[in-house]
C-alpha atoms as a PDB file:
ATOM      1  CA  MET A   1      -0.042  -0.024  -0.151  1.00  0.00           C
ATOM      2  CA  SER A   2       3.010   2.575   0.912  1.00  0.00           C
ATOM      3  CA  ARG A   3       4.391   1.542  -2.426  1.00  0.00           C
ATOM      4  CA  PHE A   4       1.397   2.364  -4.286  1.00  0.00           C
ATOM      5  CA  ALA A   5       0.957   5.699  -3.011  1.00  0.00           C
ATOM      6  CA  VAL A   6       4.614   6.385  -3.768  1.00  0.00           C
ATOM      7  CA  GLU A   7       4.418   5.471  -7.176  1.00  0.00           C
ATOM      8  CA  ARG A   8       0.848   7.370  -7.741  1.00  0.00           C
ATOM      9  CA  GLY A   9       2.458  10.724  -6.423  1.00  0.00           C
ATOM     10  CA  TYR A  10       0.358  10.680  -3.084  1.00  0.00           C
ATOM     11  CA  ILE A  11       3.430  10.631  -0.730  1.00  0.00           C
ATOM     12  CA  GLN A  12       7.096  11.283  -1.186  1.00  0.00           C
ATOM     13  CA  GLU A  13       8.492   8.170   0.507  1.00  0.00           C
ATOM     14  CA  PRO A  14       7.352   5.210   1.779  1.00  0.00           C
ATOM     15  CA  LEU A  15       5.973   5.167   5.366  1.00  0.00           C
ATOM     16  CA  LYS A  16       7.740   3.144   7.649  1.00  0.00           C
ATOM     17  CA  ILE A  17       5.967   0.884  10.125  1.00  0.00           C
ATOM     18  CA  LYS A  18       7.471  -1.159  12.364  1.00  0.00           C
ATOM     19  CA  ARG A  19       6.055  -4.401  12.938  1.00  0.00           C
ATOM     20  CA  LEU A  20       4.408  -5.944  15.770  1.00  0.00           C
ATOM     21  CA  PRO A  21       6.839  -8.640  17.612  1.00  0.00           C
ATOM     22  CA  HIS A  22       5.809 -12.002  16.978  1.00  0.00           C
ATOM     23  CA  ARG A  23       4.334 -13.988  19.894  1.00  0.00           C
ATOM     24  CA  TYR A  24       4.702 -17.620  20.094  1.00  0.00           C
ATOM     25  CA  LYS A  25       1.620 -19.785  21.766  1.00  0.00           C
ATOM     26  CA  LEU A  26       2.759 -21.702  24.406  1.00  0.00           C
ATOM     27  CA  PRO A  27       2.393 -25.769  23.117  1.00  0.00           C
ATOM     28  CA  GLU A  28      -0.053 -27.256  25.563  1.00  0.00           C
ATOM     29  CA  PRO A  29       1.660 -30.977  25.546  1.00  0.00           C
ATOM     30  CA  LEU A  30       0.308 -33.958  26.988  1.00  0.00           C
ATOM     31  CA  SER A  31       1.031 -35.180  30.331  1.00  0.00           C
ATOM     32  CA  LEU A  32       3.144 -38.705  30.641  1.00  0.00           C
ATOM     33  CA  GLU A  33       0.032 -40.656  31.722  1.00  0.00           C
ATOM     34  CA  GLU A  34      -2.103 -38.993  28.648  1.00  0.00           C
ATOM     35  CA  THR A  35       0.394 -39.800  26.207  1.00  0.00           C
ATOM     36  CA  ILE A  36       0.761 -43.793  27.457  1.00  0.00           C
ATOM     37  CA  ARG A  37      -2.980 -44.101  27.931  1.00  0.00           C
ATOM     38  CA  PHE A  38      -3.482 -42.764  24.206  1.00  0.00           C
ATOM     39  CA  LEU A  39      -0.783 -44.938  22.727  1.00  0.00           C
ATOM     40  CA  ASN A  40      -1.868 -47.413  24.628  1.00  0.00           C
ATOM     41  CA  ALA A  41      -5.386 -47.227  23.311  1.00  0.00           C
ATOM     42  CA  ALA A  42      -4.124 -47.034  19.447  1.00  0.00           C
ATOM     43  CA  LYS A  43      -2.114 -50.405  19.727  1.00  0.00           C
ATOM     44  CA  SER A  44      -5.604 -52.070  18.381  1.00  0.00           C
ATOM     45  CA  GLU A  45      -4.957 -50.101  15.051  1.00  0.00           C
ATOM     46  CA  PRO A  46      -1.286 -51.237  14.194  1.00  0.00           C
ATOM     47  CA  PHE A  47      -1.475 -48.410  11.189  1.00  0.00           C
ATOM     48  CA  TYR A  48      -2.483 -45.580  13.344  1.00  0.00           C
ATOM     49  CA  TYR A  49      -0.094 -46.574  16.199  1.00  0.00           C
ATOM     50  CA  ALA A  50       3.130 -46.563  14.046  1.00  0.00           C
ATOM     51  CA  LEU A  51       1.982 -43.122  13.169  1.00  0.00           C
ATOM     52  CA  PHE A  52       1.426 -41.992  16.221  1.00  0.00           C
ATOM     53  CA  LEU A  53       4.881 -43.043  17.471  1.00  0.00           C
ATOM     54  CA  CYS A  54       6.452 -41.088  14.724  1.00  0.00           C
ATOM     55  CA  MET A  55       5.094 -38.079  15.859  1.00  0.00           C
ATOM     56  CA  TYR A  56       5.615 -38.697  19.674  1.00  0.00           C
ATOM     57  CA  HIS A  57       9.040 -41.110  19.452  1.00  0.00           C
ATOM     58  CA  ALA A  58      10.407 -39.236  16.523  1.00  0.00           C
ATOM     59  CA  GLY A  59       9.145 -35.947  17.090  1.00  0.00           C
ATOM     60  CA  MET A  60       8.343 -35.911  13.544  1.00  0.00           C
ATOM     61  CA  ARG A  61       5.615 -33.129  11.941  1.00  0.00           C
ATOM     62  CA  LYS A  62       2.241 -34.624  10.659  1.00  0.00           C
ATOM     63  CA  ASN A  63       3.504 -33.294   6.773  1.00  0.00           C
ATOM     64  CA  GLU A  64       6.550 -35.419   7.721  1.00  0.00           C
ATOM     65  CA  ALA A  65       5.286 -38.624   8.909  1.00  0.00           C
ATOM     66  CA  LEU A  66       2.736 -38.789   6.152  1.00  0.00           C
ATOM     67  CA  ASN A  67       5.178 -38.810   3.588  1.00  0.00           C
ATOM     68  CA  LEU A  68       7.098 -40.987   4.915  1.00  0.00           C
ATOM     69  CA  THR A  69       8.350 -44.095   2.583  1.00  0.00           C
ATOM     70  CA  TRP A  70       9.980 -47.120   3.338  1.00  0.00           C
ATOM     71  CA  ASP A  71      13.287 -46.085   1.520  1.00  0.00           C
ATOM     72  CA  ASP A  72      13.603 -43.664   4.050  1.00  0.00           C
ATOM     73  CA  ILE A  73      13.389 -46.261   7.270  1.00  0.00           C
ATOM     74  CA  PHE A  74      16.676 -48.128   7.448  1.00  0.00           C
ATOM     75  CA  PHE A  75      16.019 -50.597  10.390  1.00  0.00           C
ATOM     76  CA  GLU A  76      19.589 -52.425  10.197  1.00  0.00           C
ATOM     77  CA  HIS A  77      20.577 -48.704  11.538  1.00  0.00           C
ATOM     78  CA  GLY A  78      17.605 -47.541  13.570  1.00  0.00           C
ATOM     79  CA  LEU A  79      17.417 -44.536  11.648  1.00  0.00           C
ATOM     80  CA  ILE A  80      14.360 -42.582  10.004  1.00  0.00           C
ATOM     81  CA  ARG A  81      15.590 -40.208   6.695  1.00  0.00           C
ATOM     82  CA  VAL A  82      12.921 -37.305   7.330  1.00  0.00           C
ATOM     83  CA  ARG A  83      12.788 -35.841   3.702  1.00  0.00           C
ATOM     84  CA  LYS A  84       9.291 -33.663   3.891  1.00  0.00           C
ATOM     85  CA  ALA A  85      10.656 -30.805   6.627  1.00  0.00           C
ATOM     86  CA  LYS A  86      10.066 -27.526   6.254  1.00  0.00           C
ATOM     87  CA  MET A  87      12.874 -25.507   3.964  1.00  0.00           C
ATOM     88  CA  ASN A  88      13.579 -29.247   2.262  1.00  0.00           C
ATOM     89  CA  LYS A  89      16.005 -29.590   4.714  1.00  0.00           C
ATOM     90  CA  GLU A  90      16.793 -33.388   5.586  1.00  0.00           C
ATOM     91  CA  ARG A  91      17.701 -34.732   8.833  1.00  0.00           C
ATOM     92  CA  PHE A  92      18.309 -38.241  10.392  1.00  0.00           C
ATOM     93  CA  VAL A  93      16.433 -39.236  13.678  1.00  0.00           C
ATOM     94  CA  PRO A  94      17.181 -42.662  15.668  1.00  0.00           C
ATOM     95  CA  MET A  95      14.265 -45.123  15.928  1.00  0.00           C
ATOM     96  CA  SER A  96      13.316 -46.536  19.321  1.00  0.00           C
ATOM     97  CA  GLN A  97      12.842 -49.958  19.792  1.00  0.00           C
ATOM     98  CA  THR A  98       8.977 -49.408  20.223  1.00  0.00           C
ATOM     99  CA  LEU A  99       8.897 -47.546  17.106  1.00  0.00           C
ATOM    100  CA  LYS A 100      10.699 -49.936  15.093  1.00  0.00           C
ATOM    101  CA  LYS A 101       8.932 -52.780  16.353  1.00  0.00           C
ATOM    102  CA  ALA A 102       5.796 -50.646  15.197  1.00  0.00           C
ATOM    103  CA  LEU A 103       6.557 -50.109  11.862  1.00  0.00           C
ATOM    104  CA  LEU A 104       8.221 -53.625  11.260  1.00  0.00           C
ATOM    105  CA  HIS A 105       4.807 -55.292  12.077  1.00  0.00           C
ATOM    106  CA  LEU A 106       3.052 -52.901  10.105  1.00  0.00           C
ATOM    107  CA  LYS A 107       5.226 -53.788   6.931  1.00  0.00           C
ATOM    108  CA  ALA A 108       4.637 -57.424   7.792  1.00  0.00           C
ATOM    109  CA  MET A 109       0.439 -56.775   7.339  1.00  0.00           C
ATOM    110  CA  ARG A 110       0.918 -54.776   4.176  1.00  0.00           C
ATOM    111  CA  THR A 111      -0.201 -56.861   0.815  1.00  0.00           C
ATOM    112  CA  ASP A 112       0.405 -53.654  -1.664  1.00  0.00           C
ATOM    113  CA  ASP A 113       3.582 -52.334  -3.013  1.00  0.00           C
ATOM    114  CA  ASN A 114       2.751 -48.575  -2.245  1.00  0.00           C
ATOM    115  CA  PRO A 115       6.329 -46.945  -1.082  1.00  0.00           C
ATOM    116  CA  LEU A 116       4.215 -45.105   1.350  1.00  0.00           C
ATOM    117  CA  VAL A 117       3.985 -45.734   4.965  1.00  0.00           C
ATOM    118  CA  PHE A 118       1.111 -44.398   5.415  1.00  0.00           C
ATOM    119  CA  PRO A 119      -0.880 -44.333   2.225  1.00  0.00           C
ATOM    120  CA  SER A 120      -4.636 -43.490   2.258  1.00  0.00           C
ATOM    121  CA  PRO A 121      -6.602 -46.337   1.823  1.00  0.00           C
ATOM    122  CA  LYS A 122      -9.115 -45.041  -1.165  1.00  0.00           C
ATOM    123  CA  THR A 123      -6.240 -42.641  -2.907  1.00  0.00           C
ATOM    124  CA  SER A 124      -2.891 -44.550  -2.169  1.00  0.00           C
ATOM    125  CA  LYS A 125      -1.388 -41.082  -1.855  1.00  0.00           C
ATOM    126  CA  PRO A 126      -0.311 -39.794   1.382  1.00  0.00           C
ATOM    127  CA  LEU A 127      -3.120 -39.823   3.904  1.00  0.00           C
ATOM    128  CA  THR A 128      -4.458 -36.387   4.807  1.00  0.00           C
ATOM    129  CA  ASP A 129      -6.944 -36.534   7.471  1.00  0.00           C
ATOM    130  CA  ILE A 130      -5.883 -37.949  10.679  1.00  0.00           C
ATOM    131  CA  LYS A 131      -8.293 -36.061  13.199  1.00  0.00           C
ATOM    132  CA  ARG A 132     -11.099 -38.562  13.263  1.00  0.00           C
ATOM    133  CA  ALA A 133      -8.594 -41.491  14.210  1.00  0.00           C
ATOM    134  CA  ILE A 134      -7.319 -39.177  17.060  1.00  0.00           C
ATOM    135  CA  CYS A 135     -10.844 -38.428  18.011  1.00  0.00           C
ATOM    136  CA  ARG A 136     -11.663 -42.003  18.201  1.00  0.00           C
ATOM    137  CA  ILE A 137      -8.184 -42.900  20.024  1.00  0.00           C
ATOM    138  CA  ALA A 138      -8.549 -40.539  22.630  1.00  0.00           C
ATOM    139  CA  LYS A 139     -12.139 -41.464  23.640  1.00  0.00           C
ATOM    140  CA  LYS A 140     -11.130 -44.907  23.713  1.00  0.00           C
ATOM    141  CA  ALA A 141      -8.291 -43.498  26.238  1.00  0.00           C
ATOM    142  CA  GLY A 142     -10.717 -41.835  28.382  1.00  0.00           C
ATOM    143  CA  ILE A 143      -9.115 -38.394  27.071  1.00  0.00           C
ATOM    144  CA  GLU A 144     -11.674 -35.792  26.851  1.00  0.00           C
ATOM    145  CA  ARG A 145      -9.290 -32.527  26.636  1.00  0.00           C
ATOM    146  CA  LYS A 146      -8.418 -31.893  22.180  1.00  0.00           C
ATOM    147  CA  ILE A 147      -5.628 -33.543  20.634  1.00  0.00           C
ATOM    148  CA  THR A 148      -4.078 -32.445  17.569  1.00  0.00           C
ATOM    149  CA  PRO A 149      -1.127 -34.236  15.889  1.00  0.00           C
ATOM    150  CA  HIS A 150       1.279 -31.846  16.661  1.00  0.00           C
ATOM    151  CA  GLN A 151       0.449 -31.981  20.219  1.00  0.00           C
ATOM    152  CA  LEU A 152       2.142 -35.384  20.273  1.00  0.00           C
ATOM    153  CA  ARG A 153       5.340 -33.874  18.866  1.00  0.00           C
ATOM    154  CA  HIS A 154       4.916 -30.679  21.414  1.00  0.00           C
ATOM    155  CA  SER A 155       4.911 -33.465  24.007  1.00  0.00           C
ATOM    156  CA  PHE A 156       8.079 -35.447  22.681  1.00  0.00           C
ATOM    157  CA  ALA A 157      10.019 -32.199  23.252  1.00  0.00           C
ATOM    158  CA  THR A 158       8.686 -31.275  26.585  1.00  0.00           C
ATOM    159  CA  HIS A 159       9.051 -34.938  28.010  1.00  0.00           C
ATOM    160  CA  LEU A 160      12.567 -34.940  26.677  1.00  0.00           C
ATOM    161  CA  LEU A 161      13.411 -31.455  28.508  1.00  0.00           C
ATOM    162  CA  GLU A 162      11.871 -32.603  31.798  1.00  0.00           C
ATOM    163  CA  SER A 163      14.197 -35.778  32.010  1.00  0.00           C
ATOM    164  CA  GLY A 164      17.138 -33.780  31.466  1.00  0.00           C
ATOM    165  CA  VAL A 165      17.850 -33.890  27.446  1.00  0.00           C
ATOM    166  CA  ASP A 166      19.608 -30.561  26.752  1.00  0.00           C
ATOM    167  CA  LEU A 167      18.031 -28.098  24.287  1.00  0.00           C
ATOM    168  CA  ARG A 168      20.708 -28.176  21.560  1.00  0.00           C
ATOM    169  CA  THR A 169      19.883 -32.249  21.010  1.00  0.00           C
ATOM    170  CA  ILE A 170      16.157 -31.502  20.875  1.00  0.00           C
ATOM    171  CA  GLN A 171      16.647 -28.799  18.461  1.00  0.00           C
ATOM    172  CA  ALA A 172      18.326 -31.243  16.129  1.00  0.00           C
ATOM    173  CA  LEU A 173      15.785 -34.157  16.805  1.00  0.00           C
ATOM    174  CA  LEU A 174      12.712 -32.051  16.103  1.00  0.00           C
ATOM    175  CA  GLY A 175      15.007 -30.348  13.020  1.00  0.00           C
ATOM    176  CA  HIS A 176      14.440 -26.475  14.479  1.00  0.00           C
ATOM    177  CA  GLU A 177      16.803 -23.958  12.454  1.00  0.00           C
ATOM    178  CA  ASP A 178      16.833 -21.545  15.278  1.00  0.00           C
ATOM    179  CA  ILE A 179      17.140 -22.831  18.889  1.00  0.00           C
ATOM    180  CA  LYS A 180      14.776 -20.099  19.659  1.00  0.00           C
ATOM    181  CA  THR A 181      11.978 -21.909  18.341  1.00  0.00           C
ATOM    182  CA  THR A 182      13.239 -24.616  20.869  1.00  0.00           C
ATOM    183  CA  GLN A 183      13.899 -22.967  23.686  1.00  0.00           C
ATOM    184  CA  ILE A 184      10.125 -22.152  23.958  1.00  0.00           C
ATOM    185  CA  TYR A 185       9.817 -25.556  25.736  1.00  0.00           C
ATOM    186  CA  THR A 186      11.405 -24.108  28.523  1.00  0.00           C
ATOM    187  CA  LYS A 187       8.061 -22.098  29.443  1.00  0.00           C
ATOM    188  CA  VAL A 188       6.573 -25.569  29.063  1.00  0.00           C
ATOM    189  CA  ALA A 189       8.672 -27.793  31.275  1.00  0.00           C
ATOM    190  CA  MET A 190       8.500 -25.842  34.442  1.00  0.00           C
ATOM    191  CA  PRO A 191       9.784 -28.608  36.505  1.00  0.00           C
ATOM    192  CA  VAL A 192      13.103 -28.405  34.882  1.00  0.00           C
ATOM    193  CA  LEU A 193      13.767 -24.624  35.532  1.00  0.00           C
ATOM    194  CA  TYR A 194      12.752 -25.977  39.381  1.00  0.00           C
ATOM    195  CA  ARG A 195      15.027 -28.502  39.505  1.00  0.00           C
ATOM    196  CA  ALA A 196      18.136 -26.177  37.988  1.00  0.00           C
ATOM    197  CA  ILE A 197      17.985 -24.417  41.013  1.00  0.00           C
ATOM    198  CA  GLN A 198      17.321 -27.281  43.789  1.00  0.00           C
ATOM    199  CA  ILE A 199      20.385 -28.657  42.102  1.00  0.00           C
ATOM    200  CA  LEU A 200      22.656 -25.531  42.634  1.00  0.00           C
ATOM    201  CA  GLU A 201      21.626 -24.815  46.052  1.00  0.00           C
ATOM    202  CA  ALA A 202      22.334 -28.476  47.081  1.00  0.00           C
ATOM    203  CA  GLN A 203      25.645 -28.121  45.753  1.00  0.00           C
ATOM    204  CA  THR A 204      26.410 -25.139  47.516  1.00  0.00           C
ATOM    205  CA  CYS A 205      24.743 -26.120  50.703  1.00  0.00           C
ATOM    206  CA  HIS A 206      25.427 -29.299  51.919  1.00  0.00           C
ATOM    207  CA  HIS A 207      22.100 -29.652  54.155  1.00  0.00           C
ATOM    208  CA  TYR A 208      19.693 -29.010  51.625  1.00  0.00           C
ATOM    209  CA  VAL A 209      18.042 -31.778  49.794  1.00  0.00           C
ATOM    210  CA  VAL A 210      16.911 -32.384  46.529  1.00  0.00           C
ATOM    211  CA  THR A 211      13.546 -33.268  47.107  1.00  0.00           C
ATOM    212  CA  ASP A 212      10.676 -35.420  45.135  1.00  0.00           C
ATOM    213  CA  ASP A 213       8.112 -33.096  46.167  1.00  0.00           C
ATOM    214  CA  ILE A 214       6.771 -31.308  43.247  1.00  0.00           C
ATOM    215  CA  THR A 215       3.759 -29.873  45.132  1.00  0.00           C
ATOM    216  CA  ASP A 216       5.006 -26.852  46.401  1.00  0.00           C
ATOM    217  CA  TYR A 217       5.757 -24.831  43.376  1.00  0.00           C
ATOM    218  CA  ARG A 218       2.226 -25.448  41.603  1.00  0.00           C
ATOM    219  CA  LYS A 219       0.455 -23.605  44.434  1.00  0.00           C
ATOM    220  CA  PRO A 220       1.603 -19.605  43.215  1.00  0.00           C
ATOM    221  CA  PHE A 221       0.761 -21.049  39.439  1.00  0.00           C
ATOM    222  CA  ARG A 222      -2.772 -22.509  40.664  1.00  0.00           C
ATOM    223  CA  LYS A 223      -3.428 -19.217  42.541  1.00  0.00           C
ATOM    224  CA  ALA A 224      -3.301 -17.138  39.435  1.00  0.00           C
ATOM    225  CA  GLY A 225      -4.988 -19.175  37.937  1.00  0.00           C
ATOM    226  CA  LEU A 226      -2.256 -21.068  35.383  1.00  0.00           C
ATOM    227  CA  THR A 227      -2.290 -24.492  34.922  1.00  0.00           C
ATOM    228  CA  GLY A 228      -0.623 -26.824  32.548  1.00  0.00           C
ATOM    229  CA  PHE A 229       2.678 -26.714  34.497  1.00  0.00           C
ATOM    230  CA  GLU A 230       2.197 -30.349  35.743  1.00  0.00           C
ATOM    231  CA  PRO A 231       4.125 -32.946  35.417  1.00  0.00           C
ATOM    232  CA  ALA A 232       2.751 -36.480  35.362  1.00  0.00           C
ATOM    233  CA  THR A 233       5.757 -37.260  37.829  1.00  0.00           C
ATOM    234  CA  SER A 234       8.842 -35.473  39.759  1.00  0.00           C
ATOM    235  CA  CYS A 235      11.702 -34.773  37.627  1.00  0.00           C
ATOM    236  CA  VAL A 236      14.171 -35.339  40.431  1.00  0.00           C
ATOM    237  CA  THR A 237      15.178 -37.827  42.993  1.00  0.00           C
ATOM    238  CA  GLY A 238      17.891 -36.900  45.858  1.00  0.00           C
ATOM    239  CA  ARG A 239      19.129 -38.004  49.032  1.00  0.00           C
ATOM    240  CA  ARG A 240      21.514 -35.759  51.097  1.00  0.00           C
ATOM    241  CA  SER A 241      24.621 -35.738  49.848  1.00  0.00           C
ATOM    242  CA  ASN A 242      27.312 -33.026  49.105  1.00  0.00           C
ATOM    243  CA  ARG A 243      26.570 -33.464  45.251  1.00  0.00           C
ATOM    244  CA  ALA A 244      22.950 -33.702  43.588  1.00  0.00           C
ATOM    245  CA  GLU A 245      22.777 -37.086  41.970  1.00  0.00           C
ATOM    246  CA  LEU A 246      20.656 -36.167  38.545  1.00  0.00           C
ATOM    247  CA  GLN A 247      18.342 -39.379  37.850  1.00  0.00           C
ATOM    248  CA  PRO A 248      16.650 -38.580  34.298  1.00  0.00           C
ATOM    249  CA  ARG A 249      13.635 -40.421  33.379  1.00  0.00           C
ATOM    250  CA  THR A 250      13.418 -43.132  30.505  1.00  0.00           C
ATOM    251  CA  TYR A 251      10.330 -42.752  28.394  1.00  0.00           C
ATOM    252  CA  PHE A 252      11.593 -45.151  25.328  1.00  0.00           C
END
């Protein structure tokens, strides 16, 4: 519009307009307990079980998972090549044993020669709509809240961060070009920040104990009407020691 006004002679110089700062919306990850219930409910449908594991165990975007081909899966090396990523950048993601077994089981069930791992049964092209499957499985799992495909990826990143995995590693797994995009998860995985403070205090104050109690830190958020900061279980275990010992949880 400004350029149009200059070309028509309405103004001499283009207007300088400051862009509004972009605000990232905080992701709403599933709790660990909800994730386990959801995936367990999906086991009765091997096709969707393998698909949802690609999003949660490998952190793949919906488009990346739906365009996955069998040639992209290297079972002998335990790796998945993600090609349909943003900016057309490739990355390799390790497979968990659970995901590997689910994909091998799905491959054994297939009788067609379609190179796609998750083709549409009607068109044989990449599947597009998986909302119905998510709603069906969520209902079976007894989860009333809305679940989106990208929420599984958000849960993947948040649970890794809560278990002690560093941001650079999570950045590589998610395929983020900028670490700032990954840093948004530090606002969601609040127990990680509390754990860092506890460990520092435990190292400098020998009498202090890194506790397993996470109820105290929730109170101010609940009073303020904020939710979504509660993990399914605590992130730390501790005992009296001159140095805190970290015991991250295992998800895969």
